[in-house]
PDB file of N, CA and C in Angstrom:
ATOM      1  N   MET A   1     107.438 137.743 135.068  1.00  0.00           N
ATOM      2  CA  MET A   1     108.648 138.520 135.077  1.00  0.00           C
ATOM      3  C   MET A   1     109.791 137.777 134.367  1.00  0.00           C
ATOM      4  N   ARG A   2     109.805 136.478 134.489  1.00  0.00           N
ATOM      5  CA  ARG A   2     110.867 135.679 133.877  1.00  0.00           C
ATOM      6  C   ARG A   2     110.819 135.779 132.344  1.00  0.00           C
ATOM      7  N   ILE A   3     109.616 135.827 131.786  1.00  0.00           N
ATOM      8  CA  ILE A   3     109.470 135.940 130.330  1.00  0.00           C
ATOM      9  C   ILE A   3     110.055 137.260 129.847  1.00  0.00           C
ATOM     10  N   MET A   4     109.857 138.324 130.592  1.00  0.00           N
ATOM     11  CA  MET A   4     110.396 139.632 130.223  1.00  0.00           C
ATOM     12  C   MET A   4     111.926 139.590 130.209  1.00  0.00           C
ATOM     13  N   LYS A   5     112.529 138.924 131.176  1.00  0.00           N
ATOM     14  CA  LYS A   5     113.992 138.820 131.229  1.00  0.00           C
ATOM     15  C   LYS A   5     114.513 138.026 130.032  1.00  0.00           C
ATOM     16  N   VAL A   6     113.839 136.944 129.714  1.00  0.00           N
ATOM     17  CA  VAL A   6     114.247 136.125 128.575  1.00  0.00           C
ATOM     18  C   VAL A   6     114.129 136.926 127.291  1.00  0.00           C
ATOM     19  N   MET A   7     113.051 137.672 127.128  1.00  0.00           N
ATOM     20  CA  MET A   7     112.864 138.490 125.927  1.00  0.00           C
ATOM     21  C   MET A   7     113.914 139.594 125.860  1.00  0.00           C
ATOM     22  N   LEU A   8     114.256 140.192 126.977  1.00  0.00           N
ATOM     23  CA  LEU A   8     115.268 141.239 127.018  1.00  0.00           C
ATOM     24  C   LEU A   8     116.629 140.686 126.622  1.00  0.00           C
ATOM     25  N   VAL A   9     117.008 139.567 127.186  1.00  0.00           N
ATOM     26  CA  VAL A   9     118.294 138.940 126.850  1.00  0.00           C
ATOM     27  C   VAL A   9     118.321 138.530 125.384  1.00  0.00           C
ATOM     28  N   ALA A  10     117.243 137.961 124.884  1.00  0.00           N
ATOM     29  CA  ALA A  10     117.181 137.564 123.480  1.00  0.00           C
ATOM     30  C   ALA A  10     117.313 138.780 122.565  1.00  0.00           C
ATOM     31  N   GLY A  11     116.666 139.867 122.920  1.00  0.00           N
ATOM     32  CA  GLY A  11     116.766 141.090 122.128  1.00  0.00           C
ATOM     33  C   GLY A  11     118.167 141.655 122.121  1.00  0.00           C
ATOM     34  N   LEU A  12     118.821 141.659 123.261  1.00  0.00           N
ATOM     35  CA  LEU A  12     120.202 142.146 123.335  1.00  0.00           C
ATOM     36  C   LEU A  12     121.146 141.270 122.519  1.00  0.00           C
ATOM     37  N   LEU A  13     120.989 139.966 122.607  1.00  0.00           N
ATOM     38  CA  LEU A  13     121.836 139.064 121.825  1.00  0.00           C
ATOM     39  C   LEU A  13     121.610 139.243 120.331  1.00  0.00           C
ATOM     40  N   ALA A  14     120.363 139.370 119.938  1.00  0.00           N
ATOM     41  CA  ALA A  14     120.046 139.545 118.516  1.00  0.00           C
ATOM     42  C   ALA A  14     120.637 140.847 117.975  1.00  0.00           C
ATOM     43  N   SER A  15     120.547 141.909 118.756  1.00  0.00           N
ATOM     44  CA  SER A  15     121.079 143.189 118.282  1.00  0.00           C
ATOM     45  C   SER A  15     122.603 143.162 118.233  1.00  0.00           C
ATOM     46  N   SER A  16     123.250 142.497 119.176  1.00  0.00           N
ATOM     47  CA  SER A  16     124.717 142.450 119.159  1.00  0.00           C
ATOM     48  C   SER A  16     125.221 141.590 118.007  1.00  0.00           C
ATOM     49  N   VAL A  17     124.508 140.540 117.666  1.00  0.00           N
ATOM     50  CA  VAL A  17     124.898 139.697 116.534  1.00  0.00           C
ATOM     51  C   VAL A  17     124.750 140.486 115.237  1.00  0.00           C
ATOM     52  N   GLY A  18     123.684 141.269 115.119  1.00  0.00           N
ATOM     53  CA  GLY A  18     123.472 142.073 113.913  1.00  0.00           C
ATOM     54  C   GLY A  18     124.563 143.098 113.722  1.00  0.00           C
ATOM     55  N   VAL A  19     125.004 143.711 114.805  1.00  0.00           N
ATOM     56  CA  VAL A  19     126.084 144.698 114.719  1.00  0.00           C
ATOM     57  C   VAL A  19     127.381 144.016 114.322  1.00  0.00           C
ATOM     58  N   ALA A  20     127.662 142.864 114.881  1.00  0.00           N
ATOM     59  CA  ALA A  20     128.894 142.141 114.564  1.00  0.00           C
ATOM     60  C   ALA A  20     128.923 141.726 113.098  1.00  0.00           C
ATOM     61  N   GLN A  21     127.798 141.329 112.551  1.00  0.00           N
ATOM     62  CA  GLN A  21     127.757 140.903 111.154  1.00  0.00           C
ATOM     63  C   GLN A  21     127.888 142.081 110.204  1.00  0.00           C
ATOM     64  N   ALA A  22     127.386 143.241 110.583  1.00  0.00           N
ATOM     65  CA  ALA A  22     127.412 144.400 109.699  1.00  0.00           C
ATOM     66  C   ALA A  22     128.678 145.234 109.869  1.00  0.00           C
ATOM     67  N   GLU A  23     129.565 144.803 110.720  1.00  0.00           N
ATOM     68  CA  GLU A  23     130.739 145.605 111.047  1.00  0.00           C
ATOM     69  C   GLU A  23     131.615 145.887 109.835  1.00  0.00           C
ATOM     70  N   ASP A  24     131.872 144.886 109.016  1.00  0.00           N
ATOM     71  CA  ASP A  24     132.752 145.097 107.870  1.00  0.00           C
ATOM     72  C   ASP A  24     131.960 145.259 106.568  1.00  0.00           C
ATOM     73  N   GLY A  25     130.720 145.627 106.648  1.00  0.00           N
ATOM     74  CA  GLY A  25     129.877 145.745 105.469  1.00  0.00           C
ATOM     75  C   GLY A  25     130.380 146.762 104.465  1.00  0.00           C
ATOM     76  N   MET A  26     130.806 147.923 104.919  1.00  0.00           N
ATOM     77  CA  MET A  26     131.265 148.971 104.011  1.00  0.00           C
ATOM     78  C   MET A  26     132.532 148.542 103.279  1.00  0.00           C
ATOM     79  N   GLU A  27     133.441 147.905 103.992  1.00  0.00           N
ATOM     80  CA  GLU A  27     134.677 147.457 103.350  1.00  0.00           C
ATOM     81  C   GLU A  27     134.394 146.400 102.288  1.00  0.00           C
ATOM     82  N   ARG A  28     133.452 145.503 102.582  1.00  0.00           N
ATOM     83  CA  ARG A  28     133.103 144.477 101.595  1.00  0.00           C
ATOM     84  C   ARG A  28     132.496 145.105 100.351  1.00  0.00           C
ATOM     85  N   ILE A  29     131.644 146.113 100.530  1.00  0.00           N
ATOM     86  CA  ILE A  29     131.021 146.785  99.388  1.00  0.00           C
ATOM     87  C   ILE A  29     132.074 147.476  98.539  1.00  0.00           C
ATOM     88  N   GLN A  30     132.993 148.190  99.184  1.00  0.00           N
ATOM     89  CA  GLN A  30     134.040 148.892  98.448  1.00  0.00           C
ATOM     90  C   GLN A  30     134.951 147.917  97.712  1.00  0.00           C
ATOM     91  N   ARG A  31     135.290 146.799  98.357  1.00  0.00           N
ATOM     92  CA  ARG A  31     136.140 145.795  97.724  1.00  0.00           C
ATOM     93  C   ARG A  31     135.426 145.179  96.519  1.00  0.00           C
ATOM     94  N   PHE A  32     134.126 144.898  96.653  1.00  0.00           N
ATOM     95  CA  PHE A  32     133.362 144.344  95.538  1.00  0.00           C
ATOM     96  C   PHE A  32     133.316 145.318  94.364  1.00  0.00           C
ATOM     97  N   GLN A  33     133.055 146.599  94.653  1.00  0.00           N
ATOM     98  CA  GLN A  33     132.980 147.589  93.580  1.00  0.00           C
ATOM     99  C   GLN A  33     134.310 147.738  92.865  1.00  0.00           C
ATOM    100  N   ALA A  34     135.416 147.724  93.610  1.00  0.00           N
ATOM    101  CA  ALA A  34     136.740 147.845  92.990  1.00  0.00           C
ATOM    102  C   ALA A  34     137.023 146.628  92.108  1.00  0.00           C
ATOM    103  N   GLN A  35     136.682 145.447  92.594  1.00  0.00           N
ATOM    104  CA  GLN A  35     136.897 144.236  91.800  1.00  0.00           C
ATOM    105  C   GLN A  35     136.009 144.231  90.559  1.00  0.00           C
ATOM    106  N   PHE A  36     134.770 144.695  90.702  1.00  0.00           N
ATOM    107  CA  PHE A  36     133.855 144.732  89.568  1.00  0.00           C
ATOM    108  C   PHE A  36     134.364 145.697  88.497  1.00  0.00           C
ATOM    109  N   LYS A  37     134.803 146.881  88.906  1.00  0.00           N
ATOM    110  CA  LYS A  37     135.324 147.851  87.943  1.00  0.00           C
ATOM    111  C   LYS A  37     136.564 147.317  87.238  1.00  0.00           C
ATOM    112  N   ALA A  38     137.445 146.658  87.986  1.00  0.00           N
ATOM    113  CA  ALA A  38     138.651 146.095  87.383  1.00  0.00           C
ATOM    114  C   ALA A  38     138.298 145.005  86.378  1.00  0.00           C
ATOM    115  N   GLU A  39     137.335 144.175  86.722  1.00  0.00           N
ATOM    116  CA  GLU A  39     136.913 143.099  85.811  1.00  0.00           C
ATOM    117  C   GLU A  39     136.270 143.675  84.545  1.00  0.00           C
ATOM    118  N   GLN A  40     135.447 144.694  84.687  1.00  0.00           N
ATOM    119  CA  GLN A  40     134.829 145.315  83.517  1.00  0.00           C
ATOM    120  C   GLN A  40     135.876 145.982  82.642  1.00  0.00           C
ATOM    121  N   GLU A  41     136.863 146.607  83.256  1.00  0.00           N
ATOM    122  CA  GLU A  41     137.937 147.245  82.494  1.00  0.00           C
ATOM    123  C   GLU A  41     138.730 146.176  81.742  1.00  0.00           C
ATOM    124  N   ARG A  42     138.965 145.042  82.396  1.00  0.00           N
ATOM    125  CA  ARG A  42     139.705 143.959  81.752  1.00  0.00           C
ATOM    126  C   ARG A  42     138.913 143.388  80.578  1.00  0.00           C
ATOM    127  N   LEU A  43     137.603 143.240  80.764  1.00  0.00           N
ATOM    128  CA  LEU A  43     136.776 142.651  79.712  1.00  0.00           C
ATOM    129  C   LEU A  43     136.533 143.602  78.552  1.00  0.00           C
ATOM    130  N   TRP A  44     136.213 144.829  78.863  1.00  0.00           N
ATOM    131  CA  TRP A  44     135.744 145.751  77.834  1.00  0.00           C
ATOM    132  C   TRP A  44     136.750 146.819  77.467  1.00  0.00           C
ATOM    133  N   GLY A  45     137.789 147.001  78.247  1.00  0.00           N
ATOM    134  CA  GLY A  45     138.793 148.007  77.950  1.00  0.00           C
ATOM    135  C   GLY A  45     138.269 149.404  78.217  1.00  0.00           C
ATOM    136  N   ASP A  46     138.985 150.364  77.690  1.00  0.00           N
ATOM    137  CA  ASP A  46     138.623 151.758  77.904  1.00  0.00           C
ATOM    138  C   ASP A  46     137.466 152.128  76.983  1.00  0.00           C
ATOM    139  N   GLY A  47     136.386 152.613  77.532  1.00  0.00           N
ATOM    140  CA  GLY A  47     135.208 152.969  76.754  1.00  0.00           C
ATOM    141  C   GLY A  47     135.451 154.124  75.802  1.00  0.00           C
ATOM    142  N   LYS A  48     136.371 155.008  76.145  1.00  0.00           N
ATOM    143  CA  LYS A  48     136.658 156.168  75.295  1.00  0.00           C
ATOM    144  C   LYS A  48     137.262 155.730  73.973  1.00  0.00           C
ATOM    145  N   GLU A  49     138.127 154.727  74.007  1.00  0.00           N
ATOM    146  CA  GLU A  49     138.717 154.230  72.773  1.00  0.00           C
ATOM    147  C   GLU A  49     137.638 153.695  71.837  1.00  0.00           C
ATOM    148  N   GLN A  50     136.670 153.000  72.402  1.00  0.00           N
ATOM    149  CA  GLN A  50     135.581 152.456  71.602  1.00  0.00           C
ATOM    150  C   GLN A  50     134.802 153.580  70.928  1.00  0.00           C
ATOM    151  N   VAL A  51     134.524 154.645  71.656  1.00  0.00           N
ATOM    152  CA  VAL A  51     133.752 155.766  71.114  1.00  0.00           C
ATOM    153  C   VAL A  51     134.534 156.465  70.014  1.00  0.00           C
ATOM    154  N   VAL A  52     135.836 156.651  70.218  1.00  0.00           N
ATOM    155  CA  VAL A  52     136.661 157.313  69.209  1.00  0.00           C
ATOM    156  C   VAL A  52     136.710 156.483  67.938  1.00  0.00           C
ATOM    157  N   LYS A  53     136.891 155.173  68.072  1.00  0.00           N
ATOM    158  CA  LYS A  53     136.917 154.302  66.890  1.00  0.00           C
ATOM    159  C   LYS A  53     135.596 154.375  66.139  1.00  0.00           C
ATOM    160  N   GLN A  54     134.495 154.365  66.874  1.00  0.00           N
ATOM    161  CA  GLN A  54     133.189 154.397  66.236  1.00  0.00           C
ATOM    162  C   GLN A  54     132.968 155.742  65.531  1.00  0.00           C
ATOM    163  N   ASP A  55     133.389 156.843  66.160  1.00  0.00           N
ATOM    164  CA  ASP A  55     133.246 158.158  65.535  1.00  0.00           C
ATOM    165  C   ASP A  55     134.050 158.240  64.241  1.00  0.00           C
ATOM    166  N   LYS A  56     135.273 157.691  64.258  1.00  0.00           N
ATOM    167  CA  LYS A  56     136.101 157.714  63.054  1.00  0.00           C
ATOM    168  C   LYS A  56     135.465 156.892  61.940  1.00  0.00           C
ATOM    169  N   GLU A  57     134.914 155.743  62.297  1.00  0.00           N
ATOM    170  CA  GLU A  57     134.259 154.897  61.300  1.00  0.00           C
ATOM    171  C   GLU A  57     133.020 155.577  60.738  1.00  0.00           C
ATOM    172  N   ASP A  58     132.277 156.265  61.589  1.00  0.00           N
ATOM    173  CA  ASP A  58     131.083 156.981  61.123  1.00  0.00           C
ATOM    174  C   ASP A  58     131.457 158.106  60.168  1.00  0.00           C
ATOM    175  N   LYS A  59     132.557 158.801  60.457  1.00  0.00           N
ATOM    176  CA  LYS A  59     132.981 159.889  59.566  1.00  0.00           C
ATOM    177  C   LYS A  59     133.447 159.347  58.226  1.00  0.00           C
ATOM    178  N   LYS A  60     134.090 158.181  58.221  1.00  0.00           N
ATOM    179  CA  LYS A  60     134.542 157.580  56.966  1.00  0.00           C
ATOM    180  C   LYS A  60     133.362 157.181  56.093  1.00  0.00           C
ATOM    181  N   THR A  61     132.326 156.649  56.724  1.00  0.00           N
ATOM    182  CA  THR A  61     131.165 156.205  55.952  1.00  0.00           C
ATOM    183  C   THR A  61     130.336 157.395  55.473  1.00  0.00           C
ATOM    184  N   ASP A  62     130.373 158.512  56.210  1.00  0.00           N
ATOM    185  CA  ASP A  62     129.623 159.703  55.797  1.00  0.00           C
ATOM    186  C   ASP A  62     130.272 160.392  54.611  1.00  0.00           C
ATOM    187  N   SER A  63     131.586 160.258  54.451  1.00  0.00           N
ATOM    188  CA  SER A  63     132.298 160.977  53.394  1.00  0.00           C
ATOM    189  C   SER A  63     132.071 160.386  52.044  1.00  0.00           C
TER     190      SER A  63
END
């Protein structure tokens, strides 16, 4: 019977630790995605400008 109590307590502790660690998981993911998008925007700029420049260059070479 003592082994069952120890296993029960260990299971409860393990599950409570897992919940505590995952508590702010969504906020961390959102913060990471926002930082990643900002960094990509800083590095590469607006993608639409790149496409417009390339289209204009392609039209010049086609003419």
